[in-house]
């Protein structure tokens, strides 16, 4: 039997489009604790690109919900190894 993996780290990079990116960014930060890493506005005041990060350190924490534009989010900190 193979030995379990150690020092594993998962990276998730979802790419989503929102009609109101500013509102979505604020909601994701409030609902899940995301932090704004980079937010690039367009000349029109809209968001051209944004990068958010989250650091979940406690074991087995998970989330599932529908956001303000209907996207379903499911993610967690569990490590299957």
N, C-alpha and C. Protein backbone atom coordinates (compact mmCIF):
# COMPACT_ATOMS: atom_id res chain seq x y z
N UNK A 1 0.86 -1.17 0.00
CA UNK A 1 0.00 0.00 0.00
C UNK A 1 0.90 1.24 0.00
N UNK A 2 0.61 2.21 -0.88
CA UNK A 2 1.43 3.42 -0.92
C UNK A 2 1.26 4.23 0.36
N UNK A 3 2.31 4.94 0.72
CA UNK A 3 2.22 5.78 1.91
C UNK A 3 1.43 7.05 1.58
N UNK A 4 0.78 7.64 2.59
CA UNK A 4 -0.02 8.84 2.33
C UNK A 4 0.86 10.02 1.94
N UNK A 5 0.31 10.90 1.16
CA UNK A 5 1.02 12.10 0.74
C UNK A 5 1.24 13.01 1.94
N UNK A 6 2.36 13.68 1.96
CA UNK A 6 2.63 14.64 3.04
C UNK A 6 2.93 16.00 2.43
N UNK A 7 2.71 17.02 3.22
CA UNK A 7 2.95 18.40 2.78
C UNK A 7 2.24 18.72 1.48
N UNK A 8 1.00 18.29 1.35
CA UNK A 8 0.23 18.57 0.13
C UNK A 8 -0.42 19.94 0.25
N UNK A 9 -0.62 20.55 -0.87
CA UNK A 9 -1.30 21.85 -0.92
C UNK A 9 -2.10 21.89 -2.21
N UNK A 10 -3.35 22.26 -2.11
CA UNK A 10 -4.20 22.34 -3.28
C UNK A 10 -4.40 23.80 -3.66
N UNK A 11 -4.45 24.05 -4.94
CA UNK A 11 -4.73 25.39 -5.45
C UNK A 11 -5.93 25.30 -6.36
N UNK A 12 -6.87 26.17 -6.16
CA UNK A 12 -8.08 26.23 -6.97
C UNK A 12 -8.13 27.59 -7.62
N UNK A 13 -8.30 27.62 -8.93
CA UNK A 13 -8.38 28.89 -9.64
C UNK A 13 -9.65 28.90 -10.49
N UNK A 14 -10.78 29.31 -9.88
CA UNK A 14 -12.00 29.41 -10.68
C UNK A 14 -12.00 30.69 -11.49
N UNK A 15 -12.59 30.63 -12.65
CA UNK A 15 -12.73 31.82 -13.50
C UNK A 15 -14.22 32.03 -13.72
N UNK A 16 -14.74 33.10 -13.16
CA UNK A 16 -16.17 33.39 -13.25
C UNK A 16 -16.38 34.79 -13.78
N UNK A 17 -17.52 34.97 -14.43
CA UNK A 17 -17.91 36.30 -14.91
C UNK A 17 -19.17 36.70 -14.15
N UNK A 18 -19.19 37.93 -13.72
CA UNK A 18 -20.34 38.49 -13.01
C UNK A 18 -20.82 39.74 -13.71
N UNK A 19 -22.14 39.93 -13.70
CA UNK A 19 -22.69 41.18 -14.25
C UNK A 19 -22.24 42.36 -13.41
N UNK A 20 -22.18 42.18 -12.09
CA UNK A 20 -21.74 43.24 -11.19
C UNK A 20 -20.56 42.69 -10.37
N UNK A 21 -19.37 42.76 -10.94
CA UNK A 21 -18.19 42.18 -10.31
C UNK A 21 -17.88 42.83 -8.96
N UNK A 22 -18.08 44.13 -8.84
CA UNK A 22 -17.81 44.80 -7.56
C UNK A 22 -18.67 44.23 -6.45
N UNK A 23 -19.96 44.05 -6.72
CA UNK A 23 -20.87 43.47 -5.72
C UNK A 23 -20.49 42.03 -5.41
N UNK A 24 -20.10 41.27 -6.43
CA UNK A 24 -19.72 39.87 -6.23
C UNK A 24 -18.46 39.77 -5.37
N UNK A 25 -17.49 40.63 -5.63
CA UNK A 25 -16.25 40.64 -4.84
C UNK A 25 -16.56 40.96 -3.39
N UNK A 26 -17.36 41.97 -3.15
CA UNK A 26 -17.73 42.33 -1.78
C UNK A 26 -18.44 41.17 -1.09
N UNK A 27 -19.36 40.51 -1.80
CA UNK A 27 -20.12 39.39 -1.24
C UNK A 27 -19.20 38.22 -0.91
N UNK A 28 -18.29 37.87 -1.83
CA UNK A 28 -17.37 36.75 -1.59
C UNK A 28 -16.46 37.02 -0.39
N UNK A 29 -16.04 38.26 -0.23
CA UNK A 29 -15.20 38.63 0.91
C UNK A 29 -15.98 38.52 2.22
N UNK A 30 -17.22 38.99 2.22
CA UNK A 30 -18.04 38.93 3.43
C UNK A 30 -18.51 37.52 3.74
N UNK A 31 -18.95 36.78 2.73
CA UNK A 31 -19.53 35.45 2.94
C UNK A 31 -18.49 34.39 3.31
N UNK A 32 -17.34 34.42 2.67
CA UNK A 32 -16.36 33.35 2.84
C UNK A 32 -15.03 33.80 3.44
N UNK A 33 -14.79 35.08 3.49
CA UNK A 33 -13.51 35.55 4.01
C UNK A 33 -12.42 35.68 2.96
N UNK A 34 -12.81 35.74 1.68
CA UNK A 34 -11.81 35.99 0.64
C UNK A 34 -11.16 37.35 0.89
N UNK A 35 -9.94 37.50 0.44
CA UNK A 35 -9.23 38.78 0.50
C UNK A 35 -8.91 39.22 -0.93
N UNK A 36 -8.99 40.52 -1.18
CA UNK A 36 -8.67 41.06 -2.50
C UNK A 36 -7.16 41.04 -2.68
N UNK A 37 -6.69 40.31 -3.68
CA UNK A 37 -5.27 40.28 -3.99
C UNK A 37 -4.96 41.31 -5.07
N UNK A 38 -5.85 41.41 -6.07
CA UNK A 38 -5.69 42.34 -7.18
C UNK A 38 -7.06 42.66 -7.75
N UNK A 39 -7.36 43.93 -7.94
CA UNK A 39 -8.60 44.36 -8.59
C UNK A 39 -8.22 45.41 -9.62
N UNK A 40 -8.52 45.12 -10.89
CA UNK A 40 -8.15 46.01 -11.99
C UNK A 40 -9.42 46.62 -12.57
N UNK A 41 -9.64 47.92 -12.34
CA UNK A 41 -10.84 48.56 -12.90
C UNK A 41 -10.65 48.90 -14.37
N UNK A 42 -11.77 48.91 -15.09
CA UNK A 42 -11.78 49.42 -16.47
C UNK A 42 -11.98 50.92 -16.41
N UNK A 43 -11.84 51.59 -17.53
CA UNK A 43 -12.07 53.03 -17.58
C UNK A 43 -13.51 53.41 -17.30
N UNK A 44 -14.44 52.47 -17.46
CA UNK A 44 -15.86 52.74 -17.27
C UNK A 44 -16.31 52.59 -15.81
N UNK A 45 -15.36 52.22 -14.92
CA UNK A 45 -15.72 51.99 -13.53
C UNK A 45 -16.06 50.54 -13.22
N UNK A 46 -16.14 49.71 -14.23
CA UNK A 46 -16.38 48.28 -14.02
C UNK A 46 -15.06 47.59 -13.71
N UNK A 47 -15.11 46.33 -13.32
CA UNK A 47 -13.91 45.55 -12.99
C UNK A 47 -13.51 44.74 -14.22
N UNK A 48 -12.26 44.92 -14.68
CA UNK A 48 -11.75 44.17 -15.83
C UNK A 48 -11.20 42.81 -15.40
N UNK A 49 -10.60 42.76 -14.21
CA UNK A 49 -9.98 41.52 -13.73
C UNK A 49 -9.83 41.63 -12.22
N UNK A 50 -9.99 40.52 -11.53
CA UNK A 50 -9.79 40.51 -10.09
C UNK A 50 -9.23 39.16 -9.66
N UNK A 51 -8.42 39.19 -8.63
CA UNK A 51 -7.88 37.98 -8.03
C UNK A 51 -8.14 38.04 -6.53
N UNK A 52 -8.81 36.99 -6.03
CA UNK A 52 -9.12 36.89 -4.61
C UNK A 52 -8.42 35.66 -4.06
N UNK A 53 -8.09 35.69 -2.78
CA UNK A 53 -7.45 34.54 -2.14
C UNK A 53 -8.18 34.22 -0.85
N UNK A 54 -8.08 32.96 -0.45
CA UNK A 54 -8.63 32.54 0.84
C UNK A 54 -7.66 31.55 1.44
N UNK A 55 -7.48 31.64 2.75
CA UNK A 55 -6.57 30.75 3.45
C UNK A 55 -7.37 30.06 4.54
N UNK A 56 -7.73 28.82 4.30
CA UNK A 56 -8.50 28.04 5.27
C UNK A 56 -7.53 27.05 5.90
N UNK A 57 -7.24 27.23 7.18
CA UNK A 57 -6.24 26.39 7.82
C UNK A 57 -6.82 25.32 8.71
N UNK A 58 -8.05 25.43 9.22
CA UNK A 58 -8.53 24.38 10.12
C UNK A 58 -9.01 23.19 9.31
N UNK A 59 -8.81 21.93 9.80
CA UNK A 59 -9.14 20.71 9.06
C UNK A 59 -10.61 20.54 8.85
N UNK A 60 -11.07 20.06 7.61
CA UNK A 60 -12.43 19.66 7.32
C UNK A 60 -13.47 20.76 7.25
N UNK A 61 -13.12 22.03 7.11
CA UNK A 61 -14.09 23.10 6.98
C UNK A 61 -14.58 23.15 5.54
N UNK A 62 -15.88 23.32 5.34
CA UNK A 62 -16.40 23.34 3.98
C UNK A 62 -17.55 24.31 3.82
N UNK A 63 -17.79 24.69 2.59
CA UNK A 63 -18.84 25.66 2.26
C UNK A 63 -19.61 25.18 1.03
N UNK A 64 -20.89 25.43 1.01
CA UNK A 64 -21.71 25.28 -0.19
C UNK A 64 -22.81 26.32 -0.11
N UNK A 65 -22.96 27.09 -1.16
CA UNK A 65 -24.05 28.07 -1.20
C UNK A 65 -24.24 28.57 -2.63
N UNK A 66 -25.31 29.27 -2.84
CA UNK A 66 -25.59 29.92 -4.12
C UNK A 66 -25.31 31.41 -3.93
N UNK A 67 -24.52 31.99 -4.84
CA UNK A 67 -24.15 33.40 -4.68
C UNK A 67 -25.23 34.32 -5.23
N UNK A 68 -24.96 35.63 -5.18
CA UNK A 68 -25.97 36.62 -5.55
C UNK A 68 -26.36 36.60 -7.02
N UNK A 69 -25.58 35.92 -7.90
CA UNK A 69 -25.96 35.79 -9.31
C UNK A 69 -26.31 34.35 -9.69
N UNK A 70 -26.46 33.48 -8.69
CA UNK A 70 -26.92 32.13 -8.95
C UNK A 70 -25.85 31.06 -9.11
N UNK A 71 -24.56 31.42 -9.05
CA UNK A 71 -23.49 30.42 -9.11
C UNK A 71 -23.51 29.60 -7.82
N UNK A 72 -23.30 28.29 -7.93
CA UNK A 72 -23.21 27.44 -6.75
C UNK A 72 -21.74 27.23 -6.42
N UNK A 73 -21.36 27.56 -5.19
CA UNK A 73 -19.99 27.42 -4.72
C UNK A 73 -19.94 26.25 -3.74
N UNK A 74 -19.00 25.33 -3.94
CA UNK A 74 -18.71 24.26 -2.98
C UNK A 74 -17.21 24.11 -2.91
N UNK A 75 -16.64 24.32 -1.74
CA UNK A 75 -15.21 24.13 -1.56
C UNK A 75 -14.92 23.95 -0.07
N UNK A 76 -13.75 23.43 0.23
CA UNK A 76 -13.42 23.19 1.62
C UNK A 76 -11.94 23.01 1.84
N UNK A 77 -11.60 22.76 3.08
CA UNK A 77 -10.19 22.63 3.45
C UNK A 77 -9.78 21.19 3.73
N UNK A 78 -10.69 20.26 3.52
CA UNK A 78 -10.36 18.86 3.82
C UNK A 78 -9.25 18.36 2.89
N UNK A 79 -8.44 17.47 3.42
CA UNK A 79 -7.34 16.88 2.67
C UNK A 79 -7.59 15.38 2.58
N UNK A 80 -7.93 14.86 1.41
CA UNK A 80 -8.25 13.44 1.29
C UNK A 80 -7.05 12.52 1.52
N UNK A 81 -5.87 13.08 1.59
CA UNK A 81 -4.68 12.26 1.83
C UNK A 81 -4.24 12.37 3.25
